[in-house]
Amino acid sequence: MRRIEEVLDGAEKICITGHIHPDGDCVGSCLGLYNYIREVRPDLSVTVYLEPFSENFLFLRGADRVDHTYPDAGPADVCLALDCGDKERLGASGKYWDAAKRKVCIDHHVTNTAFGDINQVCPKASSTSEVLFELMEEERITKETAECLYLGIVHDTGVFKHSNTAGRTM
C-alpha cells in the first residue's frame, strides 16, 4: 500500500479500531486516521471503536466521537486495525473486523501476524502513527490530524528518548 486513499476506493462505510487497553499510539493513530479520512473523504461514514482511554487524550479532535459501546452494526466496507499485532488484541471490536468486506492492518510491531487482507507492517518505525504519516498525503494533513499522530509518536518513543527514535521519526 502506498497511500491510505488506495484502500478507501469503492468504500462507503469505514471502521477504525485498535488494541485493547489503548495507549497513546493506539488512540493517536486511530484518531489521526479518523480526522484524515473525514477531511480527505467527507463523503464516507467513519466510526472509531476503542475501549475507554485516558482522559489525557480527550483534547484530540474526534475523541468525543469514539464509540466505546460496540453496538451491533452492519458490516463495514473497510475495517482498519491500527497498532495491533493480532486479531485477538482487538477484543470486542473483533466482531467489526470479522464482518468487514476488506481488512487492513497497519502496525509497527515486529510480532505482527499479518492478519489482514492488506498489511502495512513496518517494524523499524517508532510507532503506528509514524507509519500512518508516511501513508498520508503530507499536504492534506491538518493541524488536528498532526496533533493526533504527534501524540502517538511521542508516546511510543518515550518523548524521543527510546532507541526506536530515528531520523525518519523526527
N, C-alpha and C. Protein backbone atom coordinates (compact mmCIF):
# COMPACT_ATOMS: atom_id res chain seq x y z
N MET A 1 0.86 -1.18 0.00
CA MET A 1 0.00 0.00 0.00
C MET A 1 0.89 1.23 0.00
N ARG A 2 0.61 2.14 -0.91
CA ARG A 2 1.40 3.36 -0.97
C ARG A 2 0.70 4.52 -0.28
N ARG A 3 -0.61 4.55 -0.32
CA ARG A 3 -1.39 5.64 0.26
C ARG A 3 -2.68 5.10 0.89
N ILE A 4 -3.14 5.76 1.91
CA ILE A 4 -4.39 5.39 2.57
C ILE A 4 -5.54 5.39 1.56
N GLU A 5 -5.55 6.37 0.68
CA GLU A 5 -6.64 6.50 -0.27
C GLU A 5 -6.86 5.23 -1.10
N GLU A 6 -5.80 4.44 -1.31
CA GLU A 6 -5.92 3.21 -2.08
C GLU A 6 -6.92 2.24 -1.47
N VAL A 7 -6.93 2.13 -0.16
CA VAL A 7 -7.83 1.17 0.50
C VAL A 7 -9.24 1.71 0.66
N LEU A 8 -9.42 3.01 0.42
CA LEU A 8 -10.74 3.62 0.55
C LEU A 8 -11.54 3.58 -0.74
N ASP A 9 -10.88 3.31 -1.86
CA ASP A 9 -11.57 3.28 -3.15
C ASP A 9 -12.74 2.31 -3.13
N GLY A 10 -13.91 2.81 -3.53
CA GLY A 10 -15.10 1.98 -3.60
C GLY A 10 -15.80 1.76 -2.28
N ALA A 11 -15.26 2.29 -1.20
CA ALA A 11 -15.85 2.09 0.12
C ALA A 11 -16.78 3.24 0.48
N GLU A 12 -17.78 2.95 1.29
CA GLU A 12 -18.68 3.97 1.82
C GLU A 12 -18.64 3.99 3.35
N LYS A 13 -18.50 2.81 3.94
CA LYS A 13 -18.54 2.67 5.40
C LYS A 13 -17.19 2.16 5.89
N ILE A 14 -16.55 2.97 6.76
CA ILE A 14 -15.21 2.66 7.25
C ILE A 14 -15.26 2.44 8.76
N CYS A 15 -14.55 1.45 9.23
CA CYS A 15 -14.40 1.15 10.65
C CYS A 15 -12.92 1.25 10.99
N ILE A 16 -12.61 1.94 12.09
CA ILE A 16 -11.23 2.04 12.57
C ILE A 16 -11.21 1.52 14.00
N THR A 17 -10.26 0.68 14.31
CA THR A 17 -10.14 0.15 15.67
C THR A 17 -8.68 -0.10 16.00
N GLY A 18 -8.44 -0.38 17.27
CA GLY A 18 -7.08 -0.65 17.73
C GLY A 18 -7.11 -1.69 18.83
N HIS A 19 -6.01 -1.82 19.52
CA HIS A 19 -5.86 -2.88 20.52
C HIS A 19 -6.58 -2.56 21.83
N ILE A 20 -6.80 -3.62 22.62
CA ILE A 20 -7.39 -3.46 23.95
C ILE A 20 -6.48 -2.59 24.81
N HIS A 21 -7.05 -1.94 25.81
CA HIS A 21 -6.30 -1.03 26.69
C HIS A 21 -5.49 -0.03 25.86
N PRO A 22 -6.17 0.78 25.05
CA PRO A 22 -5.46 1.66 24.12
C PRO A 22 -4.53 2.66 24.80
N ASP A 23 -3.32 2.74 24.27
CA ASP A 23 -2.30 3.68 24.76
C ASP A 23 -2.25 4.87 23.82
N GLY A 24 -1.26 5.72 23.98
CA GLY A 24 -1.15 6.93 23.17
C GLY A 24 -1.02 6.69 21.69
N ASP A 25 -0.23 5.70 21.31
CA ASP A 25 -0.08 5.43 19.88
C ASP A 25 -1.36 4.87 19.29
N CYS A 26 -2.03 4.01 20.02
CA CYS A 26 -3.29 3.44 19.54
C CYS A 26 -4.33 4.55 19.35
N VAL A 27 -4.53 5.37 20.37
CA VAL A 27 -5.51 6.44 20.29
C VAL A 27 -5.09 7.47 19.24
N GLY A 28 -3.83 7.86 19.27
CA GLY A 28 -3.34 8.87 18.32
C GLY A 28 -3.46 8.42 16.87
N SER A 29 -3.10 7.17 16.60
CA SER A 29 -3.18 6.70 15.22
C SER A 29 -4.64 6.54 14.78
N CYS A 30 -5.50 6.02 15.65
CA CYS A 30 -6.91 5.86 15.29
C CYS A 30 -7.57 7.21 15.02
N LEU A 31 -7.34 8.17 15.91
CA LEU A 31 -7.95 9.49 15.72
C LEU A 31 -7.27 10.27 14.59
N GLY A 32 -5.98 10.08 14.41
CA GLY A 32 -5.30 10.72 13.29
C GLY A 32 -5.88 10.24 11.97
N LEU A 33 -6.09 8.93 11.85
CA LEU A 33 -6.67 8.40 10.61
C LEU A 33 -8.12 8.84 10.46
N TYR A 34 -8.87 8.83 11.55
CA TYR A 34 -10.26 9.28 11.53
C TYR A 34 -10.34 10.71 10.98
N ASN A 35 -9.56 11.61 11.54
CA ASN A 35 -9.58 13.01 11.11
C ASN A 35 -9.14 13.14 9.65
N TYR A 36 -8.11 12.42 9.29
CA TYR A 36 -7.61 12.48 7.91
C TYR A 36 -8.69 12.05 6.92
N ILE A 37 -9.33 10.92 7.19
CA ILE A 37 -10.37 10.43 6.27
C ILE A 37 -11.53 11.42 6.23
N ARG A 38 -11.94 11.94 7.36
CA ARG A 38 -13.06 12.90 7.40
C ARG A 38 -12.74 14.15 6.59
N GLU A 39 -11.47 14.53 6.55
CA GLU A 39 -11.08 15.73 5.81
C GLU A 39 -10.87 15.46 4.32
N VAL A 40 -10.29 14.31 4.01
CA VAL A 40 -9.96 13.98 2.63
C VAL A 40 -11.17 13.39 1.90
N ARG A 41 -11.97 12.61 2.62
CA ARG A 41 -13.14 11.95 2.03
C ARG A 41 -14.37 12.17 2.91
N PRO A 42 -14.90 13.39 2.98
CA PRO A 42 -16.04 13.69 3.85
C PRO A 42 -17.31 12.93 3.48
N ASP A 43 -17.34 12.33 2.30
CA ASP A 43 -18.50 11.56 1.86
C ASP A 43 -18.59 10.19 2.54
N LEU A 44 -17.53 9.75 3.20
CA LEU A 44 -17.51 8.43 3.81
C LEU A 44 -18.05 8.46 5.24
N SER A 45 -18.67 7.37 5.63
CA SER A 45 -19.11 7.17 7.02
C SER A 45 -17.95 6.50 7.75
N VAL A 46 -17.43 7.15 8.81
CA VAL A 46 -16.26 6.63 9.53
C VAL A 46 -16.58 6.53 11.01
N THR A 47 -16.34 5.36 11.59
CA THR A 47 -16.55 5.15 13.02
C THR A 47 -15.29 4.56 13.63
N VAL A 48 -14.92 5.08 14.80
CA VAL A 48 -13.79 4.54 15.57
C VAL A 48 -14.36 3.80 16.77
N TYR A 49 -13.90 2.55 16.94
CA TYR A 49 -14.29 1.73 18.09
C TYR A 49 -13.06 1.45 18.92
N LEU A 50 -13.06 1.92 20.16
CA LEU A 50 -11.96 1.66 21.10
C LEU A 50 -12.52 1.50 22.49
N GLU A 51 -11.81 0.77 23.32
CA GLU A 51 -12.14 0.74 24.74
C GLU A 51 -11.91 2.13 25.31
N PRO A 52 -12.54 2.46 26.43
CA PRO A 52 -12.28 3.76 27.05
C PRO A 52 -10.77 3.96 27.27
N PHE A 53 -10.32 5.20 27.07
CA PHE A 53 -8.90 5.52 27.19
C PHE A 53 -8.70 6.68 28.14
N SER A 54 -7.46 6.98 28.41
CA SER A 54 -7.09 8.03 29.37
C SER A 54 -7.74 9.37 29.04
N GLU A 55 -8.19 10.05 30.06
CA GLU A 55 -8.75 11.39 29.89
C GLU A 55 -7.71 12.35 29.32
N ASN A 56 -6.44 12.02 29.47
CA ASN A 56 -5.38 12.87 28.92
C ASN A 56 -5.45 13.00 27.40
N PHE A 57 -6.17 12.09 26.75
CA PHE A 57 -6.25 12.10 25.29
C PHE A 57 -7.52 12.78 24.78
N LEU A 58 -8.36 13.26 25.67
CA LEU A 58 -9.65 13.82 25.26
C LEU A 58 -9.53 15.15 24.51
N PHE A 59 -8.36 15.78 24.55
CA PHE A 59 -8.17 17.04 23.82
C PHE A 59 -8.07 16.83 22.31
N LEU A 60 -7.82 15.60 21.89
CA LEU A 60 -7.67 15.31 20.47
C LEU A 60 -9.00 15.43 19.75
N ARG A 61 -8.96 16.05 18.59
CA ARG A 61 -10.19 16.19 17.80
C ARG A 61 -10.72 14.80 17.44
N GLY A 62 -11.98 14.59 17.72
CA GLY A 62 -12.64 13.33 17.42
C GLY A 62 -12.70 12.38 18.61
N ALA A 63 -12.01 12.70 19.70
CA ALA A 63 -12.01 11.81 20.87
C ALA A 63 -13.42 11.62 21.42
N ASP A 64 -14.23 12.66 21.32
CA ASP A 64 -15.60 12.58 21.80
C ASP A 64 -16.51 11.79 20.86
N ARG A 65 -16.02 11.43 19.71
CA ARG A 65 -16.80 10.68 18.72
C ARG A 65 -16.50 9.18 18.74
N VAL A 66 -15.53 8.76 19.54
CA VAL A 66 -15.16 7.34 19.60
C VAL A 66 -16.27 6.56 20.27
N ASP A 67 -16.63 5.43 19.68
CA ASP A 67 -17.67 4.57 20.24
C ASP A 67 -17.00 3.54 21.15
N HIS A 68 -17.37 3.57 22.43
CA HIS A 68 -16.84 2.64 23.42
C HIS A 68 -17.84 1.54 23.75
N THR A 69 -19.00 1.54 23.07
CA THR A 69 -20.08 0.62 23.45
C THR A 69 -20.20 -0.61 22.56
N TYR A 70 -19.58 -0.61 21.40
CA TYR A 70 -19.58 -1.74 20.47
C TYR A 70 -21.00 -2.21 20.10
N PRO A 71 -21.81 -1.30 19.57
CA PRO A 71 -23.18 -1.69 19.19
C PRO A 71 -23.17 -2.60 17.97
N ASP A 72 -24.29 -3.26 17.75
CA ASP A 72 -24.41 -4.05 16.52
C ASP A 72 -24.46 -3.07 15.36
N ALA A 73 -23.72 -3.37 14.35
CA ALA A 73 -23.66 -2.50 13.17
C ALA A 73 -23.48 -3.40 11.95
N GLY A 74 -23.98 -2.94 10.85
CA GLY A 74 -23.78 -3.70 9.62
C GLY A 74 -22.31 -3.73 9.25
N PRO A 75 -21.94 -4.60 8.35
CA PRO A 75 -20.52 -4.74 8.00
C PRO A 75 -19.96 -3.48 7.33
N ALA A 76 -18.75 -3.16 7.70
CA ALA A 76 -18.04 -2.04 7.06
C ALA A 76 -17.47 -2.53 5.74
N ASP A 77 -17.31 -1.60 4.81
CA ASP A 77 -16.64 -1.94 3.57
C ASP A 77 -15.16 -2.18 3.82
N VAL A 78 -14.59 -1.35 4.73
CA VAL A 78 -13.18 -1.48 5.10
C VAL A 78 -13.08 -1.33 6.61
N CYS A 79 -12.37 -2.25 7.24
CA CYS A 79 -12.04 -2.13 8.66
C CYS A 79 -10.52 -2.02 8.76
N LEU A 80 -10.06 -0.98 9.45
CA LEU A 80 -8.63 -0.76 9.63
C LEU A 80 -8.27 -1.02 11.08
N ALA A 81 -7.40 -1.98 11.32
CA ALA A 81 -6.89 -2.29 12.66
C ALA A 81 -5.53 -1.62 12.79
N LEU A 82 -5.41 -0.73 13.77
CA LEU A 82 -4.18 0.04 13.93
C LEU A 82 -3.48 -0.33 15.23
N ASP A 83 -2.15 -0.39 15.16
CA ASP A 83 -1.31 -0.62 16.34
C ASP A 83 -1.66 -1.92 17.04
N CYS A 84 -2.00 -2.93 16.25
CA CYS A 84 -2.47 -4.19 16.82
C CYS A 84 -1.77 -5.34 16.11
N GLY A 85 -1.12 -6.21 16.88
CA GLY A 85 -0.32 -7.28 16.30
C GLY A 85 -1.06 -8.52 15.87
N ASP A 86 -2.27 -8.74 16.41
CA ASP A 86 -3.05 -9.90 16.01
C ASP A 86 -4.53 -9.66 16.30
N LYS A 87 -5.38 -10.47 15.73
CA LYS A 87 -6.82 -10.28 15.83
C LYS A 87 -7.31 -10.35 17.28
N GLU A 88 -6.73 -11.21 18.08
CA GLU A 88 -7.19 -11.37 19.45
C GLU A 88 -7.05 -10.08 20.26
N ARG A 89 -6.05 -9.26 19.93
CA ARG A 89 -5.84 -7.99 20.66
C ARG A 89 -6.89 -6.93 20.30
N LEU A 90 -7.75 -7.21 19.34
CA LEU A 90 -8.82 -6.28 19.02
C LEU A 90 -9.93 -6.31 20.07
N GLY A 91 -10.00 -7.39 20.85
CA GLY A 91 -11.02 -7.50 21.88
C GLY A 91 -12.42 -7.47 21.29
N ALA A 92 -13.31 -6.68 21.90
CA ALA A 92 -14.72 -6.62 21.49
C ALA A 92 -14.90 -6.09 20.07
N SER A 93 -13.97 -5.30 19.58
CA SER A 93 -14.11 -4.76 18.22
C SER A 93 -13.76 -5.79 17.15
N GLY A 94 -13.33 -6.97 17.57
CA GLY A 94 -13.05 -8.05 16.62
C GLY A 94 -14.26 -8.41 15.78
N LYS A 95 -15.46 -8.19 16.31
CA LYS A 95 -16.66 -8.51 15.54
C LYS A 95 -16.79 -7.63 14.30
N TYR A 96 -16.33 -6.38 14.38
CA TYR A 96 -16.35 -5.50 13.22
C TYR A 96 -15.32 -5.95 12.19
N TRP A 97 -14.18 -6.39 12.69
CA TRP A 97 -13.13 -6.93 11.83
C TRP A 97 -13.64 -8.14 11.06
N ASP A 98 -14.26 -9.07 11.79
CA ASP A 98 -14.75 -10.30 11.16
C ASP A 98 -15.80 -10.02 10.09
N ALA A 99 -16.64 -9.03 10.33
CA ALA A 99 -17.75 -8.73 9.41
C ALA A 99 -17.34 -7.88 8.20
N ALA A 100 -16.20 -7.22 8.28
CA ALA A 100 -15.80 -6.28 7.23
C ALA A 100 -15.52 -6.98 5.90
N LYS A 101 -15.83 -6.27 4.83
CA LYS A 101 -15.59 -6.80 3.49
C LYS A 101 -14.10 -6.82 3.16
N ARG A 102 -13.37 -5.80 3.63
CA ARG A 102 -11.93 -5.72 3.40
C ARG A 102 -11.27 -5.36 4.72
N LYS A 103 -10.19 -6.03 5.05
CA LYS A 103 -9.50 -5.85 6.33
C LYS A 103 -8.08 -5.34 6.08
N VAL A 104 -7.74 -4.23 6.76
CA VAL A 104 -6.43 -3.60 6.58
C VAL A 104 -5.76 -3.48 7.94
N CYS A 105 -4.55 -4.00 8.05
CA CYS A 105 -3.78 -3.91 9.30
C CYS A 105 -2.59 -2.97 9.07
N ILE A 106 -2.49 -1.95 9.92
CA ILE A 106 -1.36 -1.01 9.86
C ILE A 106 -0.72 -1.02 11.23
N ASP A 107 0.58 -1.34 11.28
CA ASP A 107 1.22 -1.57 12.57
C ASP A 107 2.73 -1.38 12.46
N HIS A 108 3.37 -1.40 13.64
CA HIS A 108 4.84 -1.30 13.68
C HIS A 108 5.47 -2.39 14.54
N HIS A 109 4.70 -3.32 15.04
CA HIS A 109 5.23 -4.36 15.92
C HIS A 109 5.83 -5.51 15.13
N VAL A 110 7.03 -5.90 15.49
CA VAL A 110 7.74 -6.99 14.81
C VAL A 110 6.98 -8.31 14.96
N THR A 111 6.17 -8.43 16.00
CA THR A 111 5.41 -9.65 16.27
C THR A 111 4.09 -9.72 15.50
N ASN A 112 3.80 -8.74 14.67
CA ASN A 112 2.54 -8.71 13.93
C ASN A 112 2.39 -9.96 13.08
N THR A 113 1.20 -10.55 13.12
CA THR A 113 0.94 -11.80 12.40
C THR A 113 0.41 -11.59 10.98
N ALA A 114 0.36 -10.35 10.50
CA ALA A 114 -0.14 -10.04 9.16
C ALA A 114 -1.53 -10.65 8.97
N PHE A 115 -2.46 -10.26 9.83
CA PHE A 115 -3.78 -10.87 9.87
C PHE A 115 -4.82 -10.17 8.99
N GLY A 116 -4.41 -9.20 8.21
CA GLY A 116 -5.35 -8.50 7.33
C GLY A 116 -5.29 -8.99 5.91
N ASP A 117 -6.25 -8.54 5.12
CA ASP A 117 -6.20 -8.78 3.68
C ASP A 117 -5.06 -7.95 3.09
N ILE A 118 -4.89 -6.75 3.66
CA ILE A 118 -3.79 -5.85 3.30
C ILE A 118 -3.06 -5.55 4.60
N ASN A 119 -1.74 -5.68 4.59
CA ASN A 119 -0.93 -5.44 5.79
C ASN A 119 0.17 -4.44 5.47
N GLN A 120 0.26 -3.42 6.30
CA GLN A 120 1.36 -2.45 6.21
C GLN A 120 2.03 -2.49 7.59
N VAL A 121 3.01 -3.34 7.71
CA VAL A 121 3.71 -3.53 8.98
C VAL A 121 5.16 -3.09 8.80
N CYS A 122 5.56 -2.10 9.59
CA CYS A 122 6.90 -1.51 9.47
C CYS A 122 7.60 -1.58 10.83
N PRO A 123 8.25 -2.70 11.14
CA PRO A 123 8.88 -2.86 12.46
C PRO A 123 9.97 -1.84 12.77
N LYS A 124 10.54 -1.20 11.78
CA LYS A 124 11.58 -0.20 12.04
C LYS A 124 10.99 1.17 12.39
N ALA A 125 9.69 1.33 12.23
CA ALA A 125 9.04 2.60 12.57
C ALA A 125 8.89 2.70 14.09
N SER A 126 8.90 3.91 14.59
CA SER A 126 8.78 4.15 16.03
C SER A 126 7.39 3.84 16.54
N SER A 127 6.40 3.95 15.67
CA SER A 127 5.00 3.89 16.10
C SER A 127 4.11 3.67 14.88
N THR A 128 2.89 3.27 15.16
CA THR A 128 1.92 3.17 14.08
C THR A 128 1.61 4.56 13.53
N SER A 129 1.64 5.56 14.40
CA SER A 129 1.40 6.93 13.95
C SER A 129 2.43 7.35 12.90
N GLU A 130 3.68 6.94 13.07
CA GLU A 130 4.71 7.24 12.08
C GLU A 130 4.42 6.53 10.76
N VAL A 131 4.00 5.28 10.83
CA VAL A 131 3.65 4.53 9.62
C VAL A 131 2.51 5.24 8.89
N LEU A 132 1.50 5.66 9.63
CA LEU A 132 0.37 6.36 9.01
C LEU A 132 0.80 7.65 8.33
N PHE A 133 1.66 8.41 8.99
CA PHE A 133 2.13 9.65 8.39
C PHE A 133 2.69 9.40 7.00
N GLU A 134 3.43 8.33 6.86
CA GLU A 134 4.05 8.00 5.57
C GLU A 134 3.03 7.54 4.53
N LEU A 135 1.84 7.14 4.98
CA LEU A 135 0.79 6.69 4.06
C LEU A 135 -0.17 7.81 3.68
N MET A 136 -0.03 8.96 4.33
CA MET A 136 -0.91 10.10 4.08
C MET A 136 -0.24 11.09 3.14
N GLU A 137 -1.06 11.84 2.41
CA GLU A 137 -0.53 12.91 1.58
C GLU A 137 -0.21 14.07 2.50
N GLU A 138 1.06 14.38 2.65
CA GLU A 138 1.51 15.36 3.64
C GLU A 138 0.80 16.70 3.51
N GLU A 139 0.58 17.16 2.31
CA GLU A 139 -0.05 18.47 2.12
C GLU A 139 -1.53 18.48 2.55
N ARG A 140 -2.11 17.31 2.78
CA ARG A 140 -3.51 17.22 3.20
C ARG A 140 -3.66 16.96 4.70
N ILE A 141 -2.55 16.91 5.41
CA ILE A 141 -2.59 16.68 6.86
C ILE A 141 -2.84 18.00 7.56
N THR A 142 -3.94 18.07 8.29
CA THR A 142 -4.28 19.29 9.02
C THR A 142 -3.59 19.29 10.39
N LYS A 143 -3.67 20.40 11.06
CA LYS A 143 -3.11 20.55 12.40
C LYS A 143 -3.73 19.50 13.34
N GLU A 144 -5.02 19.28 13.24
CA GLU A 144 -5.70 18.34 14.13
C GLU A 144 -5.25 16.90 13.89
N THR A 145 -5.07 16.53 12.64
CA THR A 145 -4.55 15.19 12.34
C THR A 145 -3.12 15.07 12.82
N ALA A 146 -2.32 16.10 12.58
CA ALA A 146 -0.91 16.09 13.02
C ALA A 146 -0.80 15.97 14.54
N GLU A 147 -1.67 16.63 15.27
CA GLU A 147 -1.64 16.53 16.74
C GLU A 147 -1.85 15.09 17.20
N CYS A 148 -2.78 14.41 16.56
CA CYS A 148 -3.03 13.00 16.91
C CYS A 148 -1.81 12.14 16.63
N LEU A 149 -1.24 12.29 15.44
CA LEU A 149 -0.07 11.48 15.07
C LEU A 149 1.12 11.82 15.97
N TYR A 150 1.29 13.08 16.28
CA TYR A 150 2.39 13.51 17.15
C TYR A 150 2.25 12.86 18.53
N LEU A 151 1.03 12.84 19.07
CA LEU A 151 0.82 12.20 20.37
C LEU A 151 1.25 10.74 20.32
N GLY A 152 0.87 10.03 19.26
CA GLY A 152 1.25 8.63 19.13
C GLY A 152 2.74 8.43 19.07
N ILE A 153 3.42 9.28 18.31
CA ILE A 153 4.88 9.19 18.19
C ILE A 153 5.55 9.51 19.52
N VAL A 154 5.12 10.58 20.16
CA VAL A 154 5.69 10.96 21.46
C VAL A 154 5.50 9.84 22.47
N HIS A 155 4.33 9.25 22.48
CA HIS A 155 4.04 8.18 23.45
C HIS A 155 4.95 6.98 23.24
N ASP A 156 5.05 6.50 22.00
CA ASP A 156 5.81 5.27 21.76
C ASP A 156 7.32 5.47 21.74
N THR A 157 7.78 6.70 21.64
CA THR A 157 9.24 6.95 21.69
C THR A 157 9.68 7.41 23.07
N GLY A 158 8.75 7.49 24.02
CA GLY A 158 9.12 8.00 25.35
C GLY A 158 9.62 9.43 25.25
N VAL A 159 8.89 10.25 24.51
CA VAL A 159 9.27 11.64 24.23
C VAL A 159 10.65 11.68 23.58
N PHE A 160 10.83 10.85 22.56
CA PHE A 160 12.03 10.80 21.72
C PHE A 160 13.28 10.32 22.47
N LYS A 161 13.09 9.55 23.55
CA LYS A 161 14.22 9.04 24.32
C LYS A 161 14.50 7.56 24.05
N HIS A 162 13.52 6.81 23.56
CA HIS A 162 13.73 5.37 23.34
C HIS A 162 14.57 5.13 22.09
N SER A 163 15.16 3.96 22.01
CA SER A 163 16.04 3.62 20.89
C SER A 163 15.29 3.51 19.55
N ASN A 164 13.95 3.47 19.59
CA ASN A 164 13.20 3.40 18.33
C ASN A 164 13.06 4.75 17.64
N THR A 165 13.60 5.81 18.26
CA THR A 165 13.60 7.13 17.66
C THR A 165 14.72 7.19 16.62
N ALA A 166 14.33 7.47 15.38
CA ALA A 166 15.31 7.54 14.29
C ALA A 166 15.15 8.85 13.54
N GLY A 167 16.00 9.05 12.57
CA GLY A 167 15.93 10.27 11.78
C GLY A 167 14.57 10.43 11.11
N ARG A 168 14.01 9.34 10.60
CA ARG A 168 12.70 9.44 9.94
C ARG A 168 11.60 9.76 10.94
N THR A 169 11.79 9.39 12.20
CA THR A 169 10.82 9.75 13.24
C THR A 169 10.72 11.25 13.39
N MET A 170 11.86 11.89 13.33
CA MET A 170 11.90 13.35 13.50
C MET A 170 11.37 14.05 12.28
